[in-house]
């Protein structure tokens, strides 16, 4: 998931009326209308009462042209009113003053719009940079592990929501985290940033996954204590690959189970989860560690509850295991895209953050069955 892809998706989600650049036909409309009126008047054997359409051209130009171009359109229209072959109703003083006033007003509106758009571009650029600093694009490969991800935030016009993930190489192997904090949208971004920062420290400092999970839990407990009635909590799934990527250790803090894709089948790896992070129950209900032996060609699919808890019109949950088995032959990047497209067809609306992560370890030899 590259930076350009994330920004392009943000522009697509905004749409034209939400601040994205107008579609090409909007820019073509003013000159097209101008040419159409002139041609119609020239080819018609009788005068046509359509000169009033010229008055709309400066107003249309405001939508996609700057003040200079809008002024040019206004000046051309005023000149055309007095071209004899066009016979544009022989305008009087009232007609001329009306069109001149509309043209001048359109130039002023275009100037205001251009300055506002420039300001919005600056604001969005800063906001996108800040969000991408929290959740930077995932590299295609981290150590011996190939990565592919898809992230769709529930809140429109944002790149980061309540879901988070990362893959990092450290002295104890390649580690992965996927999590989901309470709530979604921009209100959850600070918690996401805090947990990701803690995870990146654990990659360097903590020797085992249980200690890494404990550190994430402690980070969230401390953050909650600093805010009255914060009640912050998060689910998380942590993975650690061996040096030669022939085994993976997993632990879950209340997060949906991952899937192992092997031989065109999707097998759910049922983990014994611990308590979600931040509730203060980590010592009482710590997560258990599970080790899975990997074979060449194996892939791990991690997904958020935005997938598993999505429903269709009848209230049925999205059948992720069944869909993964059907799509297991797809490449990693294609797999995430196909699952997303299938989810949109299945659900009446996706109202939560949706995150998918496909990890393909570069196993060098054949190993035995899962343990």
Protein backbone atom coordinates (compact mmCIF):
# COMPACT_ATOMS: atom_id res chain seq x y z
CA UNK A 1 0.00 0.00 0.00
CA UNK A 2 2.00 3.00 -1.25
CA UNK A 3 1.75 6.64 -0.35
CA UNK A 4 0.44 7.54 -3.81
CA UNK A 5 -2.24 4.85 -3.60
CA UNK A 6 -3.40 6.15 -0.23
CA UNK A 7 -3.61 9.74 -1.47
CA UNK A 8 -5.40 8.72 -4.66
CA UNK A 9 -7.92 6.82 -2.60
CA UNK A 10 -8.41 9.86 -0.38
CA UNK A 11 -9.18 12.01 -3.42
CA UNK A 12 -11.58 9.39 -4.79
CA UNK A 13 -13.39 9.17 -1.44
CA UNK A 14 -13.78 12.96 -1.29
CA UNK A 15 -15.45 13.25 -4.67
CA UNK A 16 -15.85 16.43 -6.69
CA UNK A 17 -18.31 18.12 -4.31
CA UNK A 18 -16.08 17.26 -1.31
CA UNK A 19 -12.97 19.06 -2.54
CA UNK A 20 -11.48 16.79 -5.18
CA UNK A 21 -10.59 18.33 -8.59
CA UNK A 22 -13.65 18.68 -10.85
CA UNK A 23 -14.14 16.08 -13.60
CA UNK A 24 -12.94 16.99 -17.12
CA UNK A 25 -16.44 17.63 -18.45
CA UNK A 26 -16.86 20.56 -16.01
CA UNK A 27 -13.82 22.28 -17.52
CA UNK A 28 -14.99 21.60 -21.06
CA UNK A 29 -18.52 22.92 -20.44
CA UNK A 30 -17.90 26.74 -20.71
CA UNK A 31 -16.02 26.70 -24.05
CA UNK A 32 -18.36 24.01 -25.39
CA UNK A 33 -21.43 26.10 -24.55
CA UNK A 34 -19.81 29.18 -26.08
CA UNK A 35 -19.05 27.35 -29.34
CA UNK A 36 -22.49 25.71 -29.41
CA UNK A 37 -24.32 29.05 -29.12
CA UNK A 38 -22.21 30.69 -31.82
CA UNK A 39 -22.55 27.76 -34.23
CA UNK A 40 -26.30 27.53 -33.69
CA UNK A 41 -26.74 31.23 -34.46
CA UNK A 42 -24.53 31.09 -37.56
CA UNK A 43 -26.18 28.04 -39.15
CA UNK A 44 -29.77 28.96 -38.34
CA UNK A 45 -31.65 30.76 -41.14
CA UNK A 46 -33.61 32.68 -38.52
CA UNK A 47 -32.41 34.47 -35.38
CA UNK A 48 -32.51 32.26 -32.30
CA UNK A 49 -33.43 33.63 -28.93
CA UNK A 50 -30.58 31.85 -27.13
CA UNK A 51 -28.19 34.71 -26.45
CA UNK A 52 -29.14 34.54 -22.76
CA UNK A 53 -27.11 31.30 -22.51
CA UNK A 54 -23.91 33.28 -22.91
CA UNK A 55 -24.56 34.93 -19.54
CA UNK A 56 -24.21 31.55 -17.83
CA UNK A 57 -20.69 30.88 -19.15
CA UNK A 58 -18.75 33.00 -16.62
CA UNK A 59 -20.68 31.36 -13.79
CA UNK A 60 -19.79 27.91 -15.15
CA UNK A 61 -16.14 28.92 -15.57
CA UNK A 62 -15.95 29.65 -11.84
CA UNK A 63 -16.18 25.91 -11.10
CA UNK A 64 -12.89 24.98 -12.74
CA UNK A 65 -11.06 28.08 -14.05
CA UNK A 66 -9.04 30.76 -12.31
CA UNK A 67 -9.90 34.48 -12.23
CA UNK A 68 -7.88 35.33 -15.36
CA UNK A 69 -9.53 32.69 -17.52
CA UNK A 70 -12.95 33.61 -16.11
CA UNK A 71 -12.32 37.26 -17.03
CA UNK A 72 -11.34 36.20 -20.56
CA UNK A 73 -14.60 34.29 -20.94
CA UNK A 74 -16.53 37.37 -19.76
CA UNK A 75 -14.72 39.67 -22.20
CA UNK A 76 -15.24 37.30 -25.14
CA UNK A 77 -18.97 37.10 -24.41
CA UNK A 78 -19.35 40.88 -24.30
CA UNK A 79 -17.53 41.18 -27.64
CA UNK A 80 -19.69 38.46 -29.22
CA UNK A 81 -22.85 40.32 -28.26
CA UNK A 82 -21.95 42.93 -30.90
CA UNK A 83 -20.84 40.65 -33.73
CA UNK A 84 -23.53 41.27 -36.42
CA UNK A 85 -23.54 37.78 -38.00
CA UNK A 86 -24.46 36.20 -34.66
CA UNK A 87 -27.63 38.32 -34.30
CA UNK A 88 -27.68 37.82 -30.53
CA UNK A 89 -30.90 39.72 -29.93
CA UNK A 90 -29.30 43.15 -30.46
CA UNK A 91 -28.58 43.67 -26.75
CA UNK A 92 -29.51 46.89 -25.12
CA UNK A 93 -27.89 48.68 -22.21
CA UNK A 94 -29.70 46.53 -19.65
CA UNK A 95 -28.48 43.31 -21.28
CA UNK A 96 -24.93 44.58 -21.45
CA UNK A 97 -24.89 45.77 -17.84
CA UNK A 98 -26.39 42.49 -16.59
CA UNK A 99 -23.83 40.30 -18.39
CA UNK A 100 -20.98 42.63 -17.39
CA UNK A 101 -22.07 42.45 -13.75
CA UNK A 102 -22.30 38.63 -13.88
CA UNK A 103 -18.84 38.43 -15.46
CA UNK A 104 -17.23 40.71 -12.85
CA UNK A 105 -18.94 38.85 -10.01
CA UNK A 106 -17.76 35.54 -11.45
CA UNK A 107 -14.16 36.81 -11.53
CA UNK A 108 -14.40 37.78 -7.84
CA UNK A 109 -15.89 34.39 -6.90
CA UNK A 110 -13.21 32.60 -8.93
CA UNK A 111 -10.50 34.53 -7.11
CA UNK A 112 -11.95 33.60 -3.71
CA UNK A 113 -12.34 29.95 -4.77
CA UNK A 114 -8.78 29.75 -6.08
CA UNK A 115 -7.33 31.09 -2.83
CA UNK A 116 -9.54 28.80 -0.76
CA UNK A 117 -8.52 25.79 -2.85
CA UNK A 118 -4.85 26.64 -2.42
CA UNK A 119 -5.34 26.85 1.35
CA UNK A 120 -7.22 23.52 1.41
CA UNK A 121 -4.45 21.85 -0.59
CA UNK A 122 -1.92 23.01 2.01
CA UNK A 123 -4.09 21.84 4.90
CA UNK A 124 -4.74 18.44 3.30
CA UNK A 125 -1.07 17.97 2.47
CA UNK A 126 -0.11 18.60 6.10
CA UNK A 127 -2.91 16.33 7.35
CA UNK A 128 -1.93 13.52 4.98
CA UNK A 129 1.72 13.84 5.99
CA UNK A 130 0.76 13.64 9.67
CA UNK A 131 -1.45 10.60 9.13
CA UNK A 132 1.15 8.83 7.00
CA UNK A 133 3.71 9.47 9.74
CA UNK A 134 1.42 7.55 12.10
CA UNK A 135 0.77 4.70 9.68
CA UNK A 136 3.43 4.78 6.94
CA UNK A 137 3.12 2.69 3.78
CA UNK A 138 4.08 -0.92 4.33
CA UNK A 139 7.18 -2.09 2.42
CA UNK A 140 6.75 -4.99 0.04
CA UNK A 141 9.32 -7.03 1.95
CA UNK A 142 10.59 -7.00 5.52
CA UNK A 143 13.44 -9.46 6.01
CA UNK A 144 12.29 -12.86 4.73
CA UNK A 145 8.60 -11.86 4.78
CA UNK A 146 6.71 -10.43 1.79
CA UNK A 147 3.90 -8.05 2.76
CA UNK A 148 0.69 -6.84 1.17
CA UNK A 149 -1.90 -4.71 2.93
CA UNK A 150 -5.19 -2.95 2.39
CA UNK A 151 -6.63 -0.33 4.74
CA UNK A 152 -9.95 1.45 4.42
CA UNK A 153 -10.76 3.93 7.18
CA UNK A 154 -14.44 4.22 8.11
CA UNK A 155 -14.34 8.03 8.39
CA UNK A 156 -14.42 9.69 5.00
CA UNK A 157 -11.47 11.82 3.88
CA UNK A 158 -9.08 10.18 6.34
CA UNK A 159 -6.17 7.79 5.78
CA UNK A 160 -5.94 6.55 9.37
CA UNK A 161 -8.69 5.30 11.67
CA UNK A 162 -8.95 2.94 14.62
CA UNK A 163 -7.15 -0.01 13.01
CA UNK A 164 -3.38 -0.26 12.90
CA UNK A 165 -0.69 -2.62 11.69
CA UNK A 166 3.05 -2.74 11.20
CA UNK A 167 5.79 -5.16 10.20
CA UNK A 168 9.29 -4.58 11.56
CA UNK A 169 12.58 -6.45 11.58
CA UNK A 170 14.56 -6.52 14.80
CA UNK A 171 17.23 -8.49 16.67
CA UNK A 172 14.66 -11.14 17.65
CA UNK A 173 13.16 -11.64 14.19
CA UNK A 174 10.47 -10.04 12.04
CA UNK A 175 7.48 -9.02 14.13
CA UNK A 176 4.01 -8.00 13.05
CA UNK A 177 1.17 -6.32 14.88
CA UNK A 178 -2.43 -5.79 13.86
CA UNK A 179 -4.85 -4.12 16.21
CA UNK A 180 -8.09 -2.25 16.62
CA UNK A 181 -8.55 0.50 19.20
CA UNK A 182 -11.80 1.61 20.73
CA UNK A 183 -13.76 3.76 18.30
CA UNK A 184 -12.64 4.78 14.83
CA UNK A 185 -11.84 7.86 12.81
CA UNK A 186 -9.63 10.76 13.86
CA UNK A 187 -10.57 10.40 17.55
CA UNK A 188 -8.66 7.10 17.64
CA UNK A 189 -5.51 8.30 15.85
CA UNK A 190 -3.65 9.39 19.00
CA UNK A 191 -4.17 5.95 20.57
CA UNK A 192 -3.04 4.27 17.35
CA UNK A 193 0.11 6.41 17.30
CA UNK A 194 0.86 5.56 20.92
CA UNK A 195 0.47 1.80 20.41
CA UNK A 196 2.49 1.75 17.20
CA UNK A 197 5.28 3.65 18.91
CA UNK A 198 5.27 1.14 21.76
CA UNK A 199 5.28 -1.79 19.33
CA UNK A 200 8.28 -0.42 17.43
CA UNK A 201 10.16 -0.17 20.71
CA UNK A 202 9.29 -3.78 21.62
CA UNK A 203 10.76 -4.98 18.31
CA UNK A 204 14.12 -3.71 19.51
CA UNK A 205 13.87 -4.31 23.26
CA UNK A 206 11.60 -7.24 24.13
CA UNK A 207 12.87 -10.78 23.66
CA UNK A 208 9.48 -12.53 23.43
CA UNK A 209 5.93 -11.84 22.28
CA UNK A 210 4.36 -12.05 25.71
CA UNK A 211 6.62 -9.28 26.99
CA UNK A 212 5.86 -7.25 23.87
CA UNK A 213 2.10 -7.63 24.46
CA UNK A 214 2.56 -6.66 28.11
CA UNK A 215 4.34 -3.49 27.06
CA UNK A 216 1.49 -2.52 24.72
CA UNK A 217 -0.98 -3.15 27.52
CA UNK A 218 1.03 -1.01 29.93
CA UNK A 219 1.24 1.81 27.37
CA UNK A 220 -2.55 1.89 27.00
CA UNK A 221 -3.17 1.65 30.74
CA UNK A 222 -0.86 4.63 31.34
CA UNK A 223 -2.58 6.64 28.58
CA UNK A 224 -6.00 5.90 30.07
CA UNK A 225 -4.88 6.97 33.54
CA UNK A 226 -3.95 10.41 32.24
CA UNK A 227 -7.45 11.09 30.91
CA UNK A 228 -10.54 11.01 33.08
CA UNK A 229 -13.11 8.41 31.98
CA UNK A 230 -10.98 7.52 28.95
CA UNK A 231 -11.78 3.78 29.16
CA UNK A 232 -9.33 3.07 26.35
CA UNK A 233 -8.88 -0.47 25.17
CA UNK A 234 -7.67 -2.24 22.06
CA UNK A 235 -7.43 -5.71 20.59
CA UNK A 236 -4.16 -6.83 19.08
CA UNK A 237 -2.58 -9.76 17.27
CA UNK A 238 1.21 -10.15 17.38
CA UNK A 239 3.37 -12.43 15.25
CA UNK A 240 7.07 -13.23 15.26
CA UNK A 241 8.80 -15.11 12.42
CA UNK A 242 11.89 -17.23 12.97
CA UNK A 243 15.15 -16.21 11.32
CA UNK A 244 14.64 -18.58 8.37
CA UNK A 245 10.86 -17.92 8.27
CA UNK A 246 10.00 -21.61 8.68
CA UNK A 247 7.96 -20.97 11.84
CA UNK A 248 5.81 -18.22 13.28
CA UNK A 249 4.84 -17.52 16.87
CA UNK A 250 1.47 -15.89 17.45
CA UNK A 251 -0.40 -14.38 20.37
CA UNK A 252 -3.76 -12.65 20.52
CA UNK A 253 -5.19 -10.04 22.85
CA UNK A 254 -8.83 -10.41 21.89
CA UNK A 255 -8.24 -9.90 18.15
CA UNK A 256 -9.94 -11.97 15.39
CA UNK A 257 -8.02 -15.11 14.53
CA UNK A 258 -5.62 -15.18 11.56
CA UNK A 259 -5.88 -17.61 8.65
CA UNK A 260 -3.24 -19.88 7.19
CA UNK A 261 -3.54 -20.21 3.40
CA UNK A 262 -2.00 -23.51 2.29
CA UNK A 263 -2.70 -25.70 -0.74
CA UNK A 264 -5.63 -23.52 -1.90
CA UNK A 265 -7.32 -23.84 1.51
CA UNK A 266 -7.87 -21.31 4.27
CA UNK A 267 -7.47 -22.70 7.78
CA UNK A 268 -8.39 -20.54 10.75
CA UNK A 269 -5.64 -20.56 13.39
CA UNK A 270 -7.65 -20.65 16.59
CA UNK A 271 -5.61 -19.00 19.34
CA UNK A 272 -6.34 -18.87 23.05
CA UNK A 273 -6.69 -15.11 23.45
CA UNK A 274 -5.84 -13.00 26.43
CA UNK A 275 -7.75 -9.94 27.59
CA UNK A 276 -7.82 -6.89 25.33
CA UNK A 277 -5.14 -4.30 25.95
CA UNK A 278 -5.73 -1.45 28.38
CA UNK A 279 -8.35 -3.08 30.62
CA UNK A 280 -5.91 -3.90 33.41
CA UNK A 281 -6.51 -7.67 33.16
CA UNK A 282 -3.26 -8.63 31.46
CA UNK A 283 -1.75 -10.35 34.52
CA UNK A 284 -5.03 -12.12 35.28
CA UNK A 285 -5.66 -13.32 31.72
CA UNK A 286 -2.38 -13.19 29.78
CA UNK A 287 -2.34 -14.25 26.12
CA UNK A 288 -0.97 -17.67 25.21
CA UNK A 289 1.78 -18.23 22.65
CA UNK A 290 1.14 -20.56 19.71
CA UNK A 291 3.84 -21.77 17.29
CA UNK A 292 2.97 -22.78 13.72
CA UNK A 293 5.44 -24.50 11.40
CA UNK A 294 5.39 -23.06 7.90
CA UNK A 295 5.89 -24.62 4.49
CA UNK A 296 6.96 -23.12 1.20
CA UNK A 297 4.06 -21.22 -0.37
CA UNK A 298 2.21 -20.64 2.91
CA UNK A 299 0.57 -17.29 3.49
CA UNK A 300 -0.95 -15.73 6.58
CA UNK A 301 -4.06 -13.57 6.28
CA UNK A 302 -4.77 -11.12 9.10
CA UNK A 303 -8.00 -9.18 9.14
CA UNK A 304 -9.81 -6.76 11.43
CA UNK A 305 -13.31 -7.14 12.82
CA UNK A 306 -14.47 -4.66 10.19
CA UNK A 307 -14.45 -7.71 7.90
CA UNK A 308 -15.73 -10.47 10.16
CA UNK A 309 -18.50 -8.38 11.73
CA UNK A 310 -19.87 -6.94 8.47
CA UNK A 311 -23.39 -8.16 7.65
CA UNK A 312 -25.56 -8.42 4.59
CA UNK A 313 -29.17 -7.31 4.30
CA UNK A 314 -30.41 -10.40 6.18
CA UNK A 315 -28.02 -9.89 9.11
CA UNK A 316 -25.65 -12.73 8.13
CA UNK A 317 -21.96 -12.20 8.88
CA UNK A 318 -19.44 -12.09 6.08
CA UNK A 319 -18.11 -15.66 5.53
CA UNK A 320 -14.41 -14.82 5.51
CA UNK A 321 -13.09 -18.40 5.72
CA UNK A 322 -15.25 -19.50 2.79
CA UNK A 323 -14.26 -16.50 0.68
CA UNK A 324 -10.55 -16.94 1.43
CA UNK A 325 -10.71 -20.57 0.30
CA UNK A 326 -12.36 -19.44 -2.94
CA UNK A 327 -9.75 -16.73 -3.53
CA UNK A 328 -6.71 -18.57 -2.16
CA UNK A 329 -5.06 -18.83 -5.59
CA UNK A 330 -4.89 -15.05 -5.96
CA UNK A 331 -1.61 -13.22 -5.45
CA UNK A 332 -1.20 -11.37 -2.12
CA UNK A 333 -2.04 -7.89 -3.44
CA UNK A 334 -4.85 -9.21 -5.62
CA UNK A 335 -6.21 -11.20 -2.68
CA UNK A 336 -6.75 -8.13 -0.52
CA UNK A 337 -8.37 -6.25 -3.40
CA UNK A 338 -10.66 -9.17 -4.25
CA UNK A 339 -11.75 -9.63 -0.63
CA UNK A 340 -12.50 -5.90 -0.38
CA UNK A 341 -14.55 -5.95 -3.59
CA UNK A 342 -16.41 -9.06 -2.43
CA UNK A 343 -17.08 -7.46 0.96
CA UNK A 344 -18.63 -4.41 -0.72
CA UNK A 345 -20.89 -6.66 -2.79
CA UNK A 346 -21.89 -8.68 0.27
CA UNK A 347 -22.67 -5.85 2.69
CA UNK A 348 -25.25 -3.13 2.43
CA UNK A 349 -22.67 -0.76 3.95
CA UNK A 350 -19.23 -1.10 5.56
CA UNK A 351 -19.34 1.12 8.63
CA UNK A 352 -16.11 0.14 10.39
CA UNK A 353 -12.43 0.39 9.57
CA UNK A 354 -11.34 -2.53 7.38
CA UNK A 355 -7.77 -3.81 7.48
CA UNK A 356 -6.18 -6.78 5.70
CA UNK A 357 -2.61 -7.96 5.85
CA UNK A 358 -1.15 -10.86 3.83
CA UNK A 359 2.25 -12.13 4.94
CA UNK A 360 4.19 -14.54 2.74
CA UNK A 361 7.30 -15.96 4.45
CA UNK A 362 10.16 -16.92 2.17
CA UNK A 363 10.51 -20.47 3.50
CA UNK A 364 13.58 -22.16 2.06
CA UNK A 365 12.62 -25.79 2.75
CA UNK A 366 9.71 -28.13 3.37
CA UNK A 367 8.53 -28.58 6.94
CA UNK A 368 6.00 -30.66 8.75
CA UNK A 369 2.40 -30.01 9.71
CA UNK A 370 1.21 -27.27 12.04
CA UNK A 371 1.89 -27.78 15.69
